[in-house]
């Protein structure tokens, strides 16, 4: 079944509407010009200059008494750099510096065990101290004073002292002797550190108190405590220190690069401090001293630049375009049937304005 094709230009309503447009083309042109002017004026009237108006930021200084009020014309949010920096510095103080246990520490224990075995063997084989002294000085030159070795050689508990020294040394190396740098750690947590140990080639991380970490400086009181725990006489202290100290090496080493990277990553995750100034809030009060915080808020207000009040702009704009439709619905007529005369056009423009 054939349908008749619809031609929009053959429709009587459309034809009538186009005829009216042609008859009133000059008036419509004037209307379009007036409409564009109206939209331009509406746009310009909706612009707000940061709430500062004609005031200059240079008119205000920290510490001066304000001679006028400044009110935020719209909601403003800005990052408080000073507060953010304080938050970052506080975060840094919670980050622990990294110390890594030397994976070659087992070799240190092996070397010291060989030294203790050497002493036991020489003491057993040498009947005279001068012979023992020469053997030790040849194998470990400059390590000990002759009087120290003589006291050890003449002691009735020399084998027990040597065994105790070996146990103390093994405990110290296994626990780890930390080396704290003179500079660089002031940015980190001042109470704790992170220690990395490798167990079957897998890193094991733990955080411990700095006060509990063994160092060369607190080695002597630590040995005294351990001897007491082993039920060894206090007279062993000097001999054990004499034997172990020459072989002590710090094996908990500060990892500067890893620590700095850890600190940097922690700071990156710090959320900035965002300050929100609601619309109509009074930023500067006349007669009051301008504080540093007031000035930061004033700077944030100035940086927002030109602000367009969309509500003020789109209201008249929508009204201008919808007016003909509103009138057509009010009179219950087709839009093209509205009287296209000067009186109607004047009414449209007047109502829009």
C-alpha atoms as a PDB file:
ATOM      1  CA  UNK A   1       0.000   0.000   0.000  1.00  0.00           C
ATOM      2  CA  UNK A   2       1.461   3.322  -1.083  1.00  0.00           C
ATOM      3  CA  UNK A   3       1.622   6.139   1.419  1.00  0.00           C
ATOM      4  CA  UNK A   4       1.596   9.755   0.423  1.00  0.00           C
ATOM      5  CA  UNK A   5       4.903  11.416   1.187  1.00  0.00           C
ATOM      6  CA  UNK A   6       4.697  14.215   3.723  1.00  0.00           C
ATOM      7  CA  UNK A   7       6.054  17.598   2.579  1.00  0.00           C
ATOM      8  CA  UNK A   8       6.604  20.027   5.417  1.00  0.00           C
ATOM      9  CA  UNK A   9       6.278  23.049   3.155  1.00  0.00           C
ATOM     10  CA  UNK A  10       2.778  21.940   2.022  1.00  0.00           C
ATOM     11  CA  UNK A  11       1.478  21.982   5.612  1.00  0.00           C
ATOM     12  CA  UNK A  12      -0.870  24.954   6.051  1.00  0.00           C
ATOM     13  CA  UNK A  13       0.329  25.740   9.562  1.00  0.00           C
ATOM     14  CA  UNK A  14       3.937  25.720   8.569  1.00  0.00           C
ATOM     15  CA  UNK A  15       3.184  27.766   5.459  1.00  0.00           C
ATOM     16  CA  UNK A  16       1.279  30.315   7.527  1.00  0.00           C
ATOM     17  CA  UNK A  17       4.092  30.513  10.088  1.00  0.00           C
ATOM     18  CA  UNK A  18       6.732  31.079   7.412  1.00  0.00           C
ATOM     19  CA  UNK A  19       4.581  33.757   5.823  1.00  0.00           C
ATOM     20  CA  UNK A  20       4.340  35.615   9.100  1.00  0.00           C
ATOM     21  CA  UNK A  21       8.105  35.390   9.543  1.00  0.00           C
ATOM     22  CA  UNK A  22       8.592  36.917   6.087  1.00  0.00           C
ATOM     23  CA  UNK A  23       6.146  39.759   6.731  1.00  0.00           C
ATOM     24  CA  UNK A  24       7.735  40.672  10.052  1.00  0.00           C
ATOM     25  CA  UNK A  25      11.385  40.043   9.158  1.00  0.00           C
ATOM     26  CA  UNK A  26      12.531  43.547  10.131  1.00  0.00           C
ATOM     27  CA  UNK A  27      10.804  43.378  13.492  1.00  0.00           C
ATOM     28  CA  UNK A  28      12.257  39.914  14.106  1.00  0.00           C
ATOM     29  CA  UNK A  29      15.715  41.240  13.315  1.00  0.00           C
ATOM     30  CA  UNK A  30      15.275  44.013  15.866  1.00  0.00           C
ATOM     31  CA  UNK A  31      14.008  41.433  18.328  1.00  0.00           C
ATOM     32  CA  UNK A  32      17.060  39.212  17.758  1.00  0.00           C
ATOM     33  CA  UNK A  33      19.397  42.184  18.273  1.00  0.00           C
ATOM     34  CA  UNK A  34      17.579  43.134  21.472  1.00  0.00           C
ATOM     35  CA  UNK A  35      17.697  39.533  22.635  1.00  0.00           C
ATOM     36  CA  UNK A  36      21.461  39.289  22.068  1.00  0.00           C
ATOM     37  CA  UNK A  37      21.993  42.565  23.933  1.00  0.00           C
ATOM     38  CA  UNK A  38      19.883  41.254  26.779  1.00  0.00           C
ATOM     39  CA  UNK A  39      21.880  38.020  26.979  1.00  0.00           C
ATOM     40  CA  UNK A  40      25.154  40.011  26.926  1.00  0.00           C
ATOM     41  CA  UNK A  41      24.022  42.279  29.755  1.00  0.00           C
ATOM     42  CA  UNK A  42      22.822  39.257  31.729  1.00  0.00           C
ATOM     43  CA  UNK A  43      26.192  37.559  31.257  1.00  0.00           C
ATOM     44  CA  UNK A  44      28.162  40.609  32.346  1.00  0.00           C
ATOM     45  CA  UNK A  45      25.947  41.131  35.364  1.00  0.00           C
ATOM     46  CA  UNK A  46      26.524  37.513  36.465  1.00  0.00           C
ATOM     47  CA  UNK A  47      30.310  37.930  36.642  1.00  0.00           C
ATOM     48  CA  UNK A  48      31.809  38.372  40.090  1.00  0.00           C
ATOM     49  CA  UNK A  49      35.462  39.287  40.486  1.00  0.00           C
ATOM     50  CA  UNK A  50      36.613  36.945  43.251  1.00  0.00           C
ATOM     51  CA  UNK A  51      34.593  38.795  45.828  1.00  0.00           C
ATOM     52  CA  UNK A  52      37.306  41.483  45.946  1.00  0.00           C
ATOM     53  CA  UNK A  53      35.642  43.847  43.527  1.00  0.00           C
ATOM     54  CA  UNK A  54      37.851  46.818  42.858  1.00  0.00           C
ATOM     55  CA  UNK A  55      40.042  46.115  45.887  1.00  0.00           C
ATOM     56  CA  UNK A  56      43.672  45.113  45.390  1.00  0.00           C
ATOM     57  CA  UNK A  57      45.426  42.412  47.351  1.00  0.00           C
ATOM     58  CA  UNK A  58      48.264  44.868  47.934  1.00  0.00           C
ATOM     59  CA  UNK A  59      45.856  46.966  50.037  1.00  0.00           C
ATOM     60  CA  UNK A  60      46.061  44.337  52.774  1.00  0.00           C
ATOM     61  CA  UNK A  61      49.011  43.250  54.895  1.00  0.00           C
ATOM     62  CA  UNK A  62      49.460  40.877  57.803  1.00  0.00           C
ATOM     63  CA  UNK A  63      49.323  42.801  61.055  1.00  0.00           C
ATOM     64  CA  UNK A  64      47.507  45.852  59.729  1.00  0.00           C
ATOM     65  CA  UNK A  65      44.060  46.904  60.904  1.00  0.00           C
ATOM     66  CA  UNK A  66      41.515  46.361  58.123  1.00  0.00           C
ATOM     67  CA  UNK A  67      39.617  49.445  57.017  1.00  0.00           C
ATOM     68  CA  UNK A  68      36.903  47.486  55.184  1.00  0.00           C
ATOM     69  CA  UNK A  69      35.149  44.155  55.127  1.00  0.00           C
ATOM     70  CA  UNK A  70      35.792  41.449  52.540  1.00  0.00           C
ATOM     71  CA  UNK A  71      33.125  38.785  52.087  1.00  0.00           C
ATOM     72  CA  UNK A  72      33.435  35.650  49.959  1.00  0.00           C
ATOM     73  CA  UNK A  73      30.933  35.886  47.113  1.00  0.00           C
ATOM     74  CA  UNK A  74      30.974  32.125  46.539  1.00  0.00           C
ATOM     75  CA  UNK A  75      32.328  28.963  48.143  1.00  0.00           C
ATOM     76  CA  UNK A  76      36.109  28.651  47.902  1.00  0.00           C
ATOM     77  CA  UNK A  77      38.408  25.772  48.737  1.00  0.00           C
ATOM     78  CA  UNK A  78      42.183  25.956  48.886  1.00  0.00           C
ATOM     79  CA  UNK A  79      45.136  23.950  50.200  1.00  0.00           C
ATOM     80  CA  UNK A  80      46.625  25.334  53.382  1.00  0.00           C
ATOM     81  CA  UNK A  81      50.330  24.894  52.605  1.00  0.00           C
ATOM     82  CA  UNK A  82      51.488  25.715  56.122  1.00  0.00           C
ATOM     83  CA  UNK A  83      49.156  23.209  57.762  1.00  0.00           C
ATOM     84  CA  UNK A  84      49.998  20.626  55.089  1.00  0.00           C
ATOM     85  CA  UNK A  85      53.730  21.033  55.778  1.00  0.00           C
ATOM     86  CA  UNK A  86      53.101  20.584  59.500  1.00  0.00           C
ATOM     87  CA  UNK A  87      51.184  17.391  58.725  1.00  0.00           C
ATOM     88  CA  UNK A  88      54.030  16.144  56.504  1.00  0.00           C
ATOM     89  CA  UNK A  89      56.658  16.840  59.161  1.00  0.00           C
ATOM     90  CA  UNK A  90      54.559  15.004  61.732  1.00  0.00           C
ATOM     91  CA  UNK A  91      54.255  12.053  59.350  1.00  0.00           C
ATOM     92  CA  UNK A  92      58.033  11.965  58.878  1.00  0.00           C
ATOM     93  CA  UNK A  93      58.533  11.572  62.605  1.00  0.00           C
ATOM     94  CA  UNK A  94      56.488   8.366  62.516  1.00  0.00           C
ATOM     95  CA  UNK A  95      58.598   6.752  59.767  1.00  0.00           C
ATOM     96  CA  UNK A  96      61.289   4.401  61.066  1.00  0.00           C
ATOM     97  CA  UNK A  97      64.769   4.335  59.559  1.00  0.00           C
ATOM     98  CA  UNK A  98      65.857   1.048  58.015  1.00  0.00           C
ATOM     99  CA  UNK A  99      68.759  -1.039  59.325  1.00  0.00           C
ATOM    100  CA  UNK A 100      69.773  -4.260  57.609  1.00  0.00           C
ATOM    101  CA  UNK A 101      71.427  -7.203  59.294  1.00  0.00           C
ATOM    102  CA  UNK A 102      74.724  -8.056  57.610  1.00  0.00           C
ATOM    103  CA  UNK A 103      74.266 -11.359  55.846  1.00  0.00           C
ATOM    104  CA  UNK A 104      77.990 -12.129  56.334  1.00  0.00           C
ATOM    105  CA  UNK A 105      77.695 -12.129  60.130  1.00  0.00           C
ATOM    106  CA  UNK A 106      78.024 -15.902  60.241  1.00  0.00           C
ATOM    107  CA  UNK A 107      81.603 -15.542  59.000  1.00  0.00           C
ATOM    108  CA  UNK A 108      82.367 -13.253  61.954  1.00  0.00           C
ATOM    109  CA  UNK A 109      81.217 -15.947  64.381  1.00  0.00           C
ATOM    110  CA  UNK A 110      83.279 -18.550  62.566  1.00  0.00           C
ATOM    111  CA  UNK A 111      86.415 -16.406  62.771  1.00  0.00           C
ATOM    112  CA  UNK A 112      85.970 -15.785  66.476  1.00  0.00           C
ATOM    113  CA  UNK A 113      85.390 -19.492  67.130  1.00  0.00           C
ATOM    114  CA  UNK A 114      88.666 -20.210  65.342  1.00  0.00           C
ATOM    115  CA  UNK A 115      90.394 -17.658  67.586  1.00  0.00           C
ATOM    116  CA  UNK A 116      89.041 -19.278  70.776  1.00  0.00           C
ATOM    117  CA  UNK A 117      90.104 -22.713  69.536  1.00  0.00           C
ATOM    118  CA  UNK A 118      93.572 -21.341  68.794  1.00  0.00           C
ATOM    119  CA  UNK A 119      93.935 -19.984  72.337  1.00  0.00           C
ATOM    120  CA  UNK A 120      92.757 -23.213  73.941  1.00  0.00           C
ATOM    121  CA  UNK A 121      95.167 -25.258  71.846  1.00  0.00           C
ATOM    122  CA  UNK A 122      98.174 -23.022  72.581  1.00  0.00           C
ATOM    123  CA  UNK A 123      97.422 -22.890  76.291  1.00  0.00           C
ATOM    124  CA  UNK A 124      97.244 -26.643  76.412  1.00  0.00           C
ATOM    125  CA  UNK A 125     100.472 -27.138  74.461  1.00  0.00           C
ATOM    126  CA  UNK A 126     102.595 -24.278  75.874  1.00  0.00           C
ATOM    127  CA  UNK A 127     104.008 -24.791  79.340  1.00  0.00           C
ATOM    128  CA  UNK A 128     105.576 -21.322  79.480  1.00  0.00           C
ATOM    129  CA  UNK A 129     103.753 -18.002  79.130  1.00  0.00           C
ATOM    130  CA  UNK A 130     106.494 -16.361  77.021  1.00  0.00           C
ATOM    131  CA  UNK A 131     106.076 -19.068  74.397  1.00  0.00           C
ATOM    132  CA  UNK A 132     102.268 -18.622  74.475  1.00  0.00           C
ATOM    133  CA  UNK A 133     102.679 -14.860  74.132  1.00  0.00           C
ATOM    134  CA  UNK A 134     104.891 -15.161  71.058  1.00  0.00           C
ATOM    135  CA  UNK A 135     102.437 -17.517  69.371  1.00  0.00           C
ATOM    136  CA  UNK A 136      99.508 -15.179  69.985  1.00  0.00           C
ATOM    137  CA  UNK A 137     101.438 -12.078  68.837  1.00  0.00           C
ATOM    138  CA  UNK A 138     102.451 -13.832  65.640  1.00  0.00           C
ATOM    139  CA  UNK A 139      98.884 -14.885  64.816  1.00  0.00           C
ATOM    140  CA  UNK A 140      97.077 -11.771  66.167  1.00  0.00           C
ATOM    141  CA  UNK A 141      99.627  -8.937  66.281  1.00  0.00           C
ATOM    142  CA  UNK A 142      98.584  -5.831  68.212  1.00  0.00           C
ATOM    143  CA  UNK A 143      95.283  -7.283  69.415  1.00  0.00           C
ATOM    144  CA  UNK A 144      96.190  -7.675  73.098  1.00  0.00           C
ATOM    145  CA  UNK A 145      98.529  -6.312  75.733  1.00  0.00           C
ATOM    146  CA  UNK A 146     101.000  -8.834  77.269  1.00  0.00           C
ATOM    147  CA  UNK A 147      99.655  -8.285  80.789  1.00  0.00           C
ATOM    148  CA  UNK A 148      96.118  -9.080  79.604  1.00  0.00           C
ATOM    149  CA  UNK A 149      97.209 -12.376  78.059  1.00  0.00           C
ATOM    150  CA  UNK A 150      99.258 -13.233  81.125  1.00  0.00           C
ATOM    151  CA  UNK A 151      96.255 -12.745  83.426  1.00  0.00           C
ATOM    152  CA  UNK A 152      94.252 -15.051  81.166  1.00  0.00           C
ATOM    153  CA  UNK A 153      97.052 -17.626  80.955  1.00  0.00           C
ATOM    154  CA  UNK A 154      97.496 -17.767  84.743  1.00  0.00           C
ATOM    155  CA  UNK A 155      93.749 -17.933  85.511  1.00  0.00           C
ATOM    156  CA  UNK A 156      92.450 -21.215  86.870  1.00  0.00           C
ATOM    157  CA  UNK A 157      89.147 -20.617  85.002  1.00  0.00           C
ATOM    158  CA  UNK A 158      90.728 -19.842  81.642  1.00  0.00           C
ATOM    159  CA  UNK A 159      88.845 -22.512  79.689  1.00  0.00           C
ATOM    160  CA  UNK A 160      85.526 -21.420  81.182  1.00  0.00           C
ATOM    161  CA  UNK A 161      86.368 -17.790  80.402  1.00  0.00           C
ATOM    162  CA  UNK A 162      87.157 -18.659  76.797  1.00  0.00           C
ATOM    163  CA  UNK A 163      83.916 -20.618  76.385  1.00  0.00           C
ATOM    164  CA  UNK A 164      81.913 -17.814  77.977  1.00  0.00           C
ATOM    165  CA  UNK A 165      83.555 -15.244  75.690  1.00  0.00           C
ATOM    166  CA  UNK A 166      82.598 -17.346  72.672  1.00  0.00           C
ATOM    167  CA  UNK A 167      78.963 -17.562  73.850  1.00  0.00           C
ATOM    168  CA  UNK A 168      78.795 -13.817  74.542  1.00  0.00           C
ATOM    169  CA  UNK A 169      80.274 -12.988  71.133  1.00  0.00           C
ATOM    170  CA  UNK A 170      77.841 -15.298  69.331  1.00  0.00           C
ATOM    171  CA  UNK A 171      74.875 -13.751  71.159  1.00  0.00           C
ATOM    172  CA  UNK A 172      76.027 -10.218  70.330  1.00  0.00           C
ATOM    173  CA  UNK A 173      76.535 -10.879  66.619  1.00  0.00           C
ATOM    174  CA  UNK A 174      73.233 -12.749  66.288  1.00  0.00           C
ATOM    175  CA  UNK A 175      71.385  -9.930  68.025  1.00  0.00           C
ATOM    176  CA  UNK A 176      73.115  -7.344  65.871  1.00  0.00           C
ATOM    177  CA  UNK A 177      75.318  -4.389  66.740  1.00  0.00           C
ATOM    178  CA  UNK A 178      73.890  -1.202  65.270  1.00  0.00           C
ATOM    179  CA  UNK A 179      75.842   1.672  63.784  1.00  0.00           C
ATOM    180  CA  UNK A 180      73.907   4.935  64.153  1.00  0.00           C
ATOM    181  CA  UNK A 181      75.070   7.703  61.776  1.00  0.00           C
ATOM    182  CA  UNK A 182      75.931  11.118  63.156  1.00  0.00           C
ATOM    183  CA  UNK A 183      73.634  12.845  60.640  1.00  0.00           C
ATOM    184  CA  UNK A 184      70.607  11.910  58.576  1.00  0.00           C
ATOM    185  CA  UNK A 185      68.374  10.213  61.128  1.00  0.00           C
ATOM    186  CA  UNK A 186      66.960  13.375  62.655  1.00  0.00           C
ATOM    187  CA  UNK A 187      64.130  13.321  60.073  1.00  0.00           C
ATOM    188  CA  UNK A 188      62.940   9.865  61.167  1.00  0.00           C
ATOM    189  CA  UNK A 189      61.231   8.363  64.178  1.00  0.00           C
ATOM    190  CA  UNK A 190      63.450   9.075  67.162  1.00  0.00           C
ATOM    191  CA  UNK A 191      62.242   6.155  69.267  1.00  0.00           C
ATOM    192  CA  UNK A 192      62.128   3.126  66.958  1.00  0.00           C
ATOM    193  CA  UNK A 193      63.958   1.668  63.962  1.00  0.00           C
ATOM    194  CA  UNK A 194      63.124  -1.016  61.415  1.00  0.00           C
ATOM    195  CA  UNK A 195      65.433  -4.033  61.216  1.00  0.00           C
ATOM    196  CA  UNK A 196      65.568  -6.307  58.183  1.00  0.00           C
ATOM    197  CA  UNK A 197      66.906  -9.827  58.631  1.00  0.00           C
ATOM    198  CA  UNK A 198      67.073 -12.498  55.966  1.00  0.00           C
ATOM    199  CA  UNK A 199      65.750 -15.921  56.927  1.00  0.00           C
ATOM    200  CA  UNK A 200      66.203 -18.460  54.119  1.00  0.00           C
ATOM    201  CA  UNK A 201      66.746 -15.529  51.738  1.00  0.00           C
ATOM    202  CA  UNK A 202      63.361 -14.071  52.722  1.00  0.00           C
ATOM    203  CA  UNK A 203      63.448 -10.615  54.352  1.00  0.00           C
ATOM    204  CA  UNK A 204      61.927 -10.453  57.809  1.00  0.00           C
ATOM    205  CA  UNK A 205      61.040  -6.940  58.974  1.00  0.00           C
ATOM    206  CA  UNK A 206      60.526  -5.866  62.556  1.00  0.00           C
ATOM    207  CA  UNK A 207      60.413  -2.574  64.433  1.00  0.00           C
ATOM    208  CA  UNK A 208      62.288  -2.302  67.727  1.00  0.00           C
ATOM    209  CA  UNK A 209      63.030   0.414  70.213  1.00  0.00           C
ATOM    210  CA  UNK A 210      66.329   2.228  69.681  1.00  0.00           C
ATOM    211  CA  UNK A 211      67.050   1.906  73.384  1.00  0.00           C
ATOM    212  CA  UNK A 212      66.959  -1.876  73.137  1.00  0.00           C
ATOM    213  CA  UNK A 213      69.430  -2.037  70.250  1.00  0.00           C
ATOM    214  CA  UNK A 214      72.941  -3.186  71.018  1.00  0.00           C
ATOM    215  CA  UNK A 215      75.762  -0.788  70.095  1.00  0.00           C
ATOM    216  CA  UNK A 216      79.487  -0.619  70.752  1.00  0.00           C
ATOM    217  CA  UNK A 217      78.792   2.072  73.357  1.00  0.00           C
ATOM    218  CA  UNK A 218      76.445  -0.045  75.472  1.00  0.00           C
ATOM    219  CA  UNK A 219      78.238  -3.348  74.879  1.00  0.00           C
ATOM    220  CA  UNK A 220      79.863  -3.470  78.331  1.00  0.00           C
ATOM    221  CA  UNK A 221      76.642  -3.121  80.394  1.00  0.00           C
ATOM    222  CA  UNK A 222      74.989  -5.583  78.004  1.00  0.00           C
ATOM    223  CA  UNK A 223      77.772  -8.142  78.666  1.00  0.00           C
ATOM    224  CA  UNK A 224      77.385  -7.607  82.403  1.00  0.00           C
ATOM    225  CA  UNK A 225      73.672  -8.380  82.153  1.00  0.00           C
ATOM    226  CA  UNK A 226      74.281 -11.488  80.043  1.00  0.00           C
ATOM    227  CA  UNK A 227      76.937 -12.826  82.448  1.00  0.00           C
ATOM    228  CA  UNK A 228      74.490 -12.451  85.291  1.00  0.00           C
ATOM    229  CA  UNK A 229      71.870 -14.345  83.268  1.00  0.00           C
ATOM    230  CA  UNK A 230      74.436 -17.135  82.644  1.00  0.00           C
ATOM    231  CA  UNK A 231      75.271 -17.312  86.361  1.00  0.00           C
ATOM    232  CA  UNK A 232      78.897 -16.462  85.627  1.00  0.00           C
ATOM    233  CA  UNK A 233      81.047 -14.638  88.203  1.00  0.00           C
ATOM    234  CA  UNK A 234      81.448 -10.879  87.791  1.00  0.00           C
ATOM    235  CA  UNK A 235      85.226 -11.361  87.634  1.00  0.00           C
ATOM    236  CA  UNK A 236      84.771 -12.747  84.115  1.00  0.00           C
ATOM    237  CA  UNK A 237      83.667  -9.329  82.805  1.00  0.00           C
ATOM    238  CA  UNK A 238      87.075  -7.789  82.099  1.00  0.00           C
ATOM    239  CA  UNK A 239      88.447 -10.953  80.523  1.00  0.00           C
ATOM    240  CA  UNK A 240      85.400 -11.398  78.278  1.00  0.00           C
ATOM    241  CA  UNK A 241      85.559  -7.766  77.165  1.00  0.00           C
ATOM    242  CA  UNK A 242      89.299  -8.084  76.491  1.00  0.00           C
ATOM    243  CA  UNK A 243      88.747 -11.135  74.282  1.00  0.00           C
ATOM    244  CA  UNK A 244      85.637  -9.998  72.369  1.00  0.00           C
ATOM    245  CA  UNK A 245      86.137  -6.265  71.723  1.00  0.00           C
ATOM    246  CA  UNK A 246      88.955  -6.613  69.142  1.00  0.00           C
ATOM    247  CA  UNK A 247      86.645  -8.763  67.016  1.00  0.00           C
ATOM    248  CA  UNK A 248      83.443  -6.761  67.399  1.00  0.00           C
ATOM    249  CA  UNK A 249      82.064  -5.198  64.244  1.00  0.00           C
ATOM    250  CA  UNK A 250      78.788  -3.385  63.693  1.00  0.00           C
ATOM    251  CA  UNK A 251      76.528  -5.604  61.627  1.00  0.00           C
ATOM    252  CA  UNK A 252      73.240  -3.683  61.734  1.00  0.00           C
ATOM    253  CA  UNK A 253      73.915  -1.156  59.000  1.00  0.00           C
ATOM    254  CA  UNK A 254      71.849   1.964  58.324  1.00  0.00           C
ATOM    255  CA  UNK A 255      70.354   1.870  54.821  1.00  0.00           C
ATOM    256  CA  UNK A 256      70.248   5.529  53.782  1.00  0.00           C
ATOM    257  CA  UNK A 257      68.781   5.124  50.274  1.00  0.00           C
ATOM    258  CA  UNK A 258      66.064   2.701  51.356  1.00  0.00           C
ATOM    259  CA  UNK A 259      65.209   4.883  54.353  1.00  0.00           C
ATOM    260  CA  UNK A 260      64.967   8.034  52.223  1.00  0.00           C
ATOM    261  CA  UNK A 261      62.723   6.244  49.711  1.00  0.00           C
ATOM    262  CA  UNK A 262      60.496   4.984  52.520  1.00  0.00           C
ATOM    263  CA  UNK A 263      60.245   8.517  53.887  1.00  0.00           C
ATOM    264  CA  UNK A 264      59.485   9.983  50.460  1.00  0.00           C
ATOM    265  CA  UNK A 265      56.717   7.461  49.782  1.00  0.00           C
ATOM    266  CA  UNK A 266      55.169   8.101  53.181  1.00  0.00           C
ATOM    267  CA  UNK A 267      55.095  11.860  52.575  1.00  0.00           C
ATOM    268  CA  UNK A 268      53.495  11.369  49.144  1.00  0.00           C
ATOM    269  CA  UNK A 269      50.542   9.655  50.807  1.00  0.00           C
ATOM    270  CA  UNK A 270      49.895  12.577  53.149  1.00  0.00           C
ATOM    271  CA  UNK A 271      46.586  14.208  52.244  1.00  0.00           C
ATOM    272  CA  UNK A 272      46.746  18.002  51.919  1.00  0.00           C
ATOM    273  CA  UNK A 273      44.845  20.155  54.383  1.00  0.00           C
ATOM    274  CA  UNK A 274      41.909  21.620  52.450  1.00  0.00           C
ATOM    275  CA  UNK A 275      40.196  24.712  53.859  1.00  0.00           C
ATOM    276  CA  UNK A 276      36.665  25.445  52.670  1.00  0.00           C
ATOM    277  CA  UNK A 277      35.334  28.999  52.871  1.00  0.00           C
ATOM    278  CA  UNK A 278      31.539  29.017  52.492  1.00  0.00           C
ATOM    279  CA  UNK A 279      29.805  31.703  50.486  1.00  0.00           C
ATOM    280  CA  UNK A 280      29.007  34.923  52.341  1.00  0.00           C
ATOM    281  CA  UNK A 281      31.640  34.260  55.007  1.00  0.00           C
ATOM    282  CA  UNK A 282      33.396  37.375  56.215  1.00  0.00           C
ATOM    283  CA  UNK A 283      37.114  36.910  55.533  1.00  0.00           C
ATOM    284  CA  UNK A 284      38.352  40.336  56.576  1.00  0.00           C
ATOM    285  CA  UNK A 285      36.582  42.283  59.332  1.00  0.00           C
ATOM    286  CA  UNK A 286      36.797  46.000  59.455  1.00  0.00           C
ATOM    287  CA  UNK A 287      38.613  47.231  62.550  1.00  0.00           C
ATOM    288  CA  UNK A 288      40.339  43.911  63.235  1.00  0.00           C
ATOM    289  CA  UNK A 289      44.002  43.016  62.747  1.00  0.00           C
ATOM    290  CA  UNK A 290      44.618  40.886  59.648  1.00  0.00           C
ATOM    291  CA  UNK A 291      46.100  37.570  60.737  1.00  0.00           C
ATOM    292  CA  UNK A 292      48.245  35.239  58.671  1.00  0.00           C
ATOM    293  CA  UNK A 293      45.269  32.907  58.239  1.00  0.00           C
ATOM    294  CA  UNK A 294      43.058  35.812  57.090  1.00  0.00           C
ATOM    295  CA  UNK A 295      45.640  36.761  54.495  1.00  0.00           C
ATOM    296  CA  UNK A 296      45.925  33.195  53.180  1.00  0.00           C
ATOM    297  CA  UNK A 297      42.155  33.100  52.756  1.00  0.00           C
ATOM    298  CA  UNK A 298      42.279  36.454  50.990  1.00  0.00           C
ATOM    299  CA  UNK A 299      44.951  35.132  48.609  1.00  0.00           C
ATOM    300  CA  UNK A 300      42.830  32.070  47.865  1.00  0.00           C
ATOM    301  CA  UNK A 301      39.867  34.317  47.125  1.00  0.00           C
ATOM    302  CA  UNK A 302      41.957  36.454  44.771  1.00  0.00           C
ATOM    303  CA  UNK A 303      43.298  33.407  42.912  1.00  0.00           C
ATOM    304  CA  UNK A 304      39.813  32.249  41.968  1.00  0.00           C
ATOM    305  CA  UNK A 305      39.712  35.057  39.381  1.00  0.00           C
ATOM    306  CA  UNK A 306      36.484  35.749  37.495  1.00  0.00           C
ATOM    307  CA  UNK A 307      33.507  33.787  38.747  1.00  0.00           C
ATOM    308  CA  UNK A 308      30.262  33.408  36.805  1.00  0.00           C
ATOM    309  CA  UNK A 309      27.099  33.087  38.852  1.00  0.00           C
ATOM    310  CA  UNK A 310      25.350  30.486  36.705  1.00  0.00           C
ATOM    311  CA  UNK A 311      22.124  30.773  38.627  1.00  0.00           C
ATOM    312  CA  UNK A 312      21.954  34.497  37.903  1.00  0.00           C
ATOM    313  CA  UNK A 313      22.835  33.889  34.229  1.00  0.00           C
ATOM    314  CA  UNK A 314      20.675  30.917  33.283  1.00  0.00           C
ATOM    315  CA  UNK A 315      17.533  32.212  34.988  1.00  0.00           C
ATOM    316  CA  UNK A 316      16.880  35.172  32.632  1.00  0.00           C
ATOM    317  CA  UNK A 317      18.314  33.207  29.700  1.00  0.00           C
ATOM    318  CA  UNK A 318      15.845  30.387  30.174  1.00  0.00           C
ATOM    319  CA  UNK A 319      13.001  32.828  30.747  1.00  0.00           C
ATOM    320  CA  UNK A 320      13.664  34.670  27.471  1.00  0.00           C
ATOM    321  CA  UNK A 321      13.599  31.507  25.402  1.00  0.00           C
ATOM    322  CA  UNK A 322      10.608  29.938  27.137  1.00  0.00           C
ATOM    323  CA  UNK A 323       8.404  33.044  27.097  1.00  0.00           C
ATOM    324  CA  UNK A 324       6.840  32.433  23.654  1.00  0.00           C
ATOM    325  CA  UNK A 325       6.038  28.841  24.559  1.00  0.00           C
ATOM    326  CA  UNK A 326       4.587  29.959  27.877  1.00  0.00           C
ATOM    327  CA  UNK A 327       2.360  32.494  26.155  1.00  0.00           C
ATOM    328  CA  UNK A 328       1.246  29.965  23.551  1.00  0.00           C
ATOM    329  CA  UNK A 329       0.270  27.521  26.262  1.00  0.00           C
ATOM    330  CA  UNK A 330      -1.479  30.266  28.185  1.00  0.00           C
ATOM    331  CA  UNK A 331      -3.609  31.287  25.196  1.00  0.00           C
ATOM    332  CA  UNK A 332      -3.918  27.578  24.166  1.00  0.00           C
ATOM    333  CA  UNK A 333      -2.847  28.366  20.630  1.00  0.00           C
ATOM    334  CA  UNK A 334      -0.247  26.935  18.293  1.00  0.00           C
ATOM    335  CA  UNK A 335       3.016  28.854  18.506  1.00  0.00           C
ATOM    336  CA  UNK A 336       2.802  29.832  14.855  1.00  0.00           C
ATOM    337  CA  UNK A 337      -0.721  31.190  15.405  1.00  0.00           C
ATOM    338  CA  UNK A 338       0.398  33.892  17.848  1.00  0.00           C
ATOM    339  CA  UNK A 339      -0.117  37.415  16.534  1.00  0.00           C
ATOM    340  CA  UNK A 340       3.149  38.519  14.976  1.00  0.00           C
ATOM    341  CA  UNK A 341       2.617  42.247  15.364  1.00  0.00           C
ATOM    342  CA  UNK A 342       4.524  45.058  16.969  1.00  0.00           C
ATOM    343  CA  UNK A 343       2.421  45.051  20.141  1.00  0.00           C
ATOM    344  CA  UNK A 344       3.144  41.384  20.805  1.00  0.00           C
ATOM    345  CA  UNK A 345       6.823  41.766  20.070  1.00  0.00           C
ATOM    346  CA  UNK A 346       7.046  44.773  22.359  1.00  0.00           C
ATOM    347  CA  UNK A 347       5.305  42.766  25.093  1.00  0.00           C
ATOM    348  CA  UNK A 348       7.761  39.840  24.643  1.00  0.00           C
ATOM    349  CA  UNK A 349      10.818  42.061  24.832  1.00  0.00           C
ATOM    350  CA  UNK A 350       9.465  44.064  27.803  1.00  0.00           C
ATOM    351  CA  UNK A 351       8.664  40.963  29.811  1.00  0.00           C
ATOM    352  CA  UNK A 352      12.051  39.471  29.078  1.00  0.00           C
ATOM    353  CA  UNK A 353      13.852  42.649  30.123  1.00  0.00           C
END
